[in-house]
N, C-alpha and C. Protein backbone atom coordinates (compact mmCIF):
# COMPACT_ATOMS: atom_id res chain seq x y z
N MET A 1 0.82 -1.18 0.00
CA MET A 1 0.00 0.00 0.00
C MET A 1 0.87 1.26 0.00
N ILE A 2 1.95 1.22 0.75
CA ILE A 2 2.85 2.38 0.82
C ILE A 2 3.39 2.70 -0.57
N THR A 3 3.80 1.67 -1.30
CA THR A 3 4.33 1.85 -2.65
C THR A 3 3.23 2.26 -3.62
N THR A 4 2.09 1.59 -3.55
CA THR A 4 0.98 1.87 -4.46
C THR A 4 0.53 3.32 -4.38
N PHE A 5 0.43 3.85 -3.18
CA PHE A 5 -0.04 5.23 -3.00
C PHE A 5 1.10 6.23 -2.90
N ASN A 6 2.32 5.77 -3.12
CA ASN A 6 3.50 6.62 -3.11
C ASN A 6 3.61 7.43 -1.81
N ILE A 7 3.41 6.72 -0.70
CA ILE A 7 3.47 7.36 0.63
C ILE A 7 4.93 7.56 1.01
N CYS A 8 5.28 8.79 1.39
CA CYS A 8 6.67 9.07 1.73
C CYS A 8 6.87 9.33 3.22
N LEU A 9 5.77 9.44 3.98
CA LEU A 9 5.89 9.69 5.41
C LEU A 9 4.64 9.17 6.12
N VAL A 10 4.86 8.47 7.22
CA VAL A 10 3.77 7.98 8.06
C VAL A 10 4.00 8.58 9.44
N VAL A 11 2.98 9.27 9.97
CA VAL A 11 3.13 9.90 11.28
C VAL A 11 2.08 9.39 12.25
N ARG A 12 2.42 9.49 13.51
CA ARG A 12 1.50 9.13 14.59
C ARG A 12 1.72 10.13 15.71
N GLY A 13 0.63 10.62 16.28
CA GLY A 13 0.72 11.54 17.40
C GLY A 13 1.02 10.81 18.69
N THR A 14 1.44 11.55 19.69
CA THR A 14 1.78 10.95 20.98
C THR A 14 0.55 10.62 21.81
N VAL A 15 -0.59 11.24 21.51
CA VAL A 15 -1.81 10.95 22.26
C VAL A 15 -2.57 9.87 21.52
N SER A 16 -2.94 8.83 22.25
CA SER A 16 -3.65 7.71 21.64
C SER A 16 -4.52 7.03 22.67
N ASP A 17 -5.63 6.44 22.20
CA ASP A 17 -6.52 5.70 23.10
C ASP A 17 -6.01 4.29 23.37
N SER A 18 -5.11 3.83 22.55
CA SER A 18 -4.64 2.46 22.71
C SER A 18 -3.13 2.40 22.71
N LYS A 19 -2.63 1.29 23.15
CA LYS A 19 -1.20 1.08 23.24
C LYS A 19 -0.70 0.52 21.90
N HIS A 20 0.39 1.07 21.37
CA HIS A 20 0.98 0.57 20.12
C HIS A 20 2.40 0.12 20.39
N PRO A 21 2.80 -1.06 20.07
CA PRO A 21 1.93 -2.12 19.57
C PRO A 21 1.13 -2.74 20.70
N PRO A 22 -0.06 -3.24 20.40
CA PRO A 22 -0.86 -3.90 21.44
C PRO A 22 -0.10 -5.12 21.96
N ASP A 23 -0.34 -5.46 23.22
CA ASP A 23 0.35 -6.61 23.82
C ASP A 23 0.16 -7.86 22.97
N GLY A 24 1.29 -8.50 22.60
CA GLY A 24 1.23 -9.75 21.86
C GLY A 24 0.78 -9.61 20.42
N ASP A 25 0.69 -8.40 19.91
CA ASP A 25 0.21 -8.19 18.55
C ASP A 25 1.35 -7.61 17.71
N VAL A 26 1.12 -7.57 16.43
CA VAL A 26 2.11 -7.04 15.49
C VAL A 26 2.04 -5.51 15.51
N ASP A 27 3.19 -4.88 15.44
CA ASP A 27 3.27 -3.42 15.41
C ASP A 27 2.70 -2.93 14.07
N PRO A 28 1.61 -2.14 14.09
CA PRO A 28 1.01 -1.68 12.83
C PRO A 28 1.92 -0.71 12.07
N TYR A 29 2.95 -0.21 12.73
CA TYR A 29 3.87 0.72 12.09
C TYR A 29 5.20 0.06 11.69
N ALA A 30 5.26 -1.26 11.72
CA ALA A 30 6.51 -1.98 11.44
C ALA A 30 7.03 -1.68 10.04
N ALA A 31 6.17 -1.70 9.03
CA ALA A 31 6.63 -1.47 7.64
C ALA A 31 7.22 -0.07 7.47
N PRO A 32 6.49 1.00 7.85
CA PRO A 32 7.10 2.31 7.66
C PRO A 32 8.35 2.52 8.53
N LYS A 33 8.39 1.89 9.70
CA LYS A 33 9.59 2.00 10.54
C LYS A 33 10.78 1.36 9.84
N SER A 34 10.56 0.18 9.25
CA SER A 34 11.66 -0.51 8.58
C SER A 34 12.12 0.24 7.33
N MET A 35 11.23 1.04 6.73
CA MET A 35 11.56 1.83 5.54
C MET A 35 12.16 3.19 5.90
N GLY A 36 12.13 3.53 7.20
CA GLY A 36 12.67 4.82 7.64
C GLY A 36 11.77 6.00 7.35
N ILE A 37 10.46 5.75 7.17
CA ILE A 37 9.54 6.85 6.86
C ILE A 37 8.52 7.09 7.97
N PHE A 38 8.76 6.52 9.13
CA PHE A 38 7.85 6.71 10.27
C PHE A 38 8.36 7.83 11.16
N ARG A 39 7.46 8.70 11.58
CA ARG A 39 7.80 9.78 12.52
C ARG A 39 6.73 9.87 13.60
N MET A 40 7.19 10.06 14.82
CA MET A 40 6.29 10.30 15.95
C MET A 40 6.27 11.81 16.15
N ILE A 41 5.08 12.39 16.22
CA ILE A 41 4.98 13.83 16.44
C ILE A 41 4.28 14.09 17.77
N GLU A 42 4.64 15.16 18.41
CA GLU A 42 4.04 15.55 19.69
C GLU A 42 2.64 16.09 19.43
N SER A 43 1.66 15.47 20.05
CA SER A 43 0.29 15.95 19.93
C SER A 43 0.16 17.24 20.73
N PRO A 44 -0.44 18.28 20.14
CA PRO A 44 -0.51 19.57 20.83
C PRO A 44 -1.38 19.57 22.07
N ARG A 45 -2.35 18.68 22.10
CA ARG A 45 -3.22 18.57 23.27
C ARG A 45 -3.90 17.23 23.25
N ASP A 46 -4.66 16.93 24.26
CA ASP A 46 -5.31 15.64 24.38
C ASP A 46 -6.49 15.58 23.40
N THR A 47 -6.29 14.93 22.27
CA THR A 47 -7.34 14.84 21.26
C THR A 47 -7.83 13.41 21.08
N ALA A 48 -7.57 12.56 22.03
CA ALA A 48 -7.98 11.17 21.94
C ALA A 48 -9.51 11.07 22.01
N ALA A 49 -10.03 9.96 21.52
CA ALA A 49 -11.48 9.75 21.50
C ALA A 49 -12.08 9.82 22.90
N ALA A 50 -11.37 9.31 23.89
CA ALA A 50 -11.88 9.33 25.26
C ALA A 50 -12.07 10.77 25.75
N SER A 51 -11.13 11.65 25.43
CA SER A 51 -11.27 13.04 25.86
C SER A 51 -12.38 13.73 25.09
N ALA A 52 -12.56 13.37 23.82
CA ALA A 52 -13.66 13.94 23.04
C ALA A 52 -15.00 13.52 23.64
N ALA A 53 -15.10 12.27 24.03
CA ALA A 53 -16.34 11.77 24.65
C ALA A 53 -16.62 12.51 25.95
N LYS A 54 -15.58 12.77 26.74
CA LYS A 54 -15.76 13.51 28.00
C LYS A 54 -16.26 14.92 27.73
N ARG A 55 -15.73 15.57 26.68
CA ARG A 55 -16.18 16.93 26.35
C ARG A 55 -17.63 16.91 25.86
N ILE A 56 -18.00 15.89 25.11
CA ILE A 56 -19.38 15.78 24.63
C ILE A 56 -20.33 15.65 25.81
N VAL A 57 -20.00 14.79 26.75
CA VAL A 57 -20.85 14.59 27.93
C VAL A 57 -20.92 15.89 28.73
N ALA A 58 -19.78 16.55 28.89
CA ALA A 58 -19.74 17.79 29.67
C ALA A 58 -20.58 18.90 29.02
N ASN A 59 -20.64 18.92 27.70
CA ASN A 59 -21.36 19.97 26.99
C ASN A 59 -22.77 19.55 26.57
N HIS A 60 -23.23 18.41 27.04
CA HIS A 60 -24.54 17.90 26.63
C HIS A 60 -25.68 18.87 26.94
N ASP A 61 -25.70 19.42 28.13
CA ASP A 61 -26.78 20.34 28.51
C ASP A 61 -26.78 21.59 27.63
N ILE A 62 -25.61 22.12 27.35
CA ILE A 62 -25.51 23.31 26.48
C ILE A 62 -26.06 22.98 25.10
N TYR A 63 -25.67 21.82 24.55
CA TYR A 63 -26.14 21.41 23.23
C TYR A 63 -27.65 21.20 23.24
N LYS A 64 -28.15 20.57 24.29
CA LYS A 64 -29.58 20.28 24.38
C LYS A 64 -30.39 21.59 24.37
N LYS A 65 -29.96 22.59 25.14
CA LYS A 65 -30.64 23.89 25.16
C LYS A 65 -30.56 24.57 23.80
N TRP A 66 -29.39 24.52 23.17
CA TRP A 66 -29.20 25.14 21.86
C TRP A 66 -30.12 24.47 20.83
N ASN A 67 -30.20 23.14 20.89
CA ASN A 67 -31.03 22.41 19.94
C ASN A 67 -32.52 22.69 20.16
N GLU A 68 -32.95 22.81 21.41
CA GLU A 68 -34.35 23.14 21.69
C GLU A 68 -34.68 24.53 21.16
N LYS A 69 -33.78 25.48 21.37
CA LYS A 69 -33.98 26.85 20.88
C LYS A 69 -34.07 26.86 19.35
N LYS A 70 -33.22 26.10 18.72
CA LYS A 70 -33.22 26.00 17.26
C LYS A 70 -34.55 25.40 16.78
N GLY A 71 -35.02 24.36 17.47
CA GLY A 71 -36.30 23.74 17.11
C GLY A 71 -37.47 24.71 17.23
N GLU A 72 -37.46 25.49 18.29
CA GLU A 72 -38.52 26.49 18.49
C GLU A 72 -38.48 27.53 17.37
N SER A 73 -37.29 27.95 16.99
CA SER A 73 -37.13 28.92 15.92
C SER A 73 -37.66 28.37 14.59
N GLU A 74 -37.38 27.11 14.31
CA GLU A 74 -37.86 26.47 13.08
C GLU A 74 -39.38 26.37 13.10
N GLN A 75 -39.94 25.99 14.23
CA GLN A 75 -41.40 25.89 14.34
C GLN A 75 -42.06 27.24 14.10
N ARG A 76 -41.46 28.31 14.67
CA ARG A 76 -41.99 29.67 14.46
C ARG A 76 -41.94 30.05 12.99
N TYR A 77 -40.85 29.72 12.34
CA TYR A 77 -40.69 30.04 10.92
C TYR A 77 -41.80 29.38 10.11
N TYR A 78 -42.00 28.08 10.32
CA TYR A 78 -43.02 27.38 9.54
C TYR A 78 -44.43 27.85 9.87
N ALA A 79 -44.67 28.24 11.10
CA ALA A 79 -46.00 28.72 11.49
C ALA A 79 -46.29 30.10 10.90
N GLU A 80 -45.25 30.92 10.73
CA GLU A 80 -45.45 32.30 10.29
C GLU A 80 -45.12 32.56 8.83
N LYS A 81 -44.60 31.56 8.13
CA LYS A 81 -44.18 31.82 6.75
C LYS A 81 -45.39 32.06 5.87
N LYS A 82 -45.19 32.90 4.90
CA LYS A 82 -46.25 33.26 3.97
C LYS A 82 -45.76 32.97 2.57
N PHE A 83 -46.67 32.56 1.72
CA PHE A 83 -46.34 32.29 0.34
C PHE A 83 -46.60 33.53 -0.50
N VAL A 84 -45.76 33.76 -1.45
CA VAL A 84 -45.93 34.88 -2.37
C VAL A 84 -46.37 34.27 -3.70
N TYR A 85 -47.53 34.70 -4.13
CA TYR A 85 -48.05 34.17 -5.39
C TYR A 85 -47.77 35.19 -6.49
N GLY A 86 -47.19 34.70 -7.56
CA GLY A 86 -46.89 35.59 -8.68
C GLY A 86 -47.81 35.31 -9.86
N ASP A 87 -47.59 36.09 -10.90
CA ASP A 87 -48.40 35.91 -12.13
C ASP A 87 -48.00 34.67 -12.87
């Protein structure tokens, strides 16, 4: 795949939800490492799926209120809209 798609660099951030390589499993980065095209880059902040899920849960009430307000606005629009009839 690396050759087919002419990949010249494979990167992985330092923040991850899982351990690489997984215990007793094959390193998914073995091929690019052996080719010398693998680089580990410092992740600027915690962007793992677990942290995203925590932010979603933390912001659930804000989203719920925003969505209810949006729904009310849409209902008002449909209730008050008028059709313009032309010639």
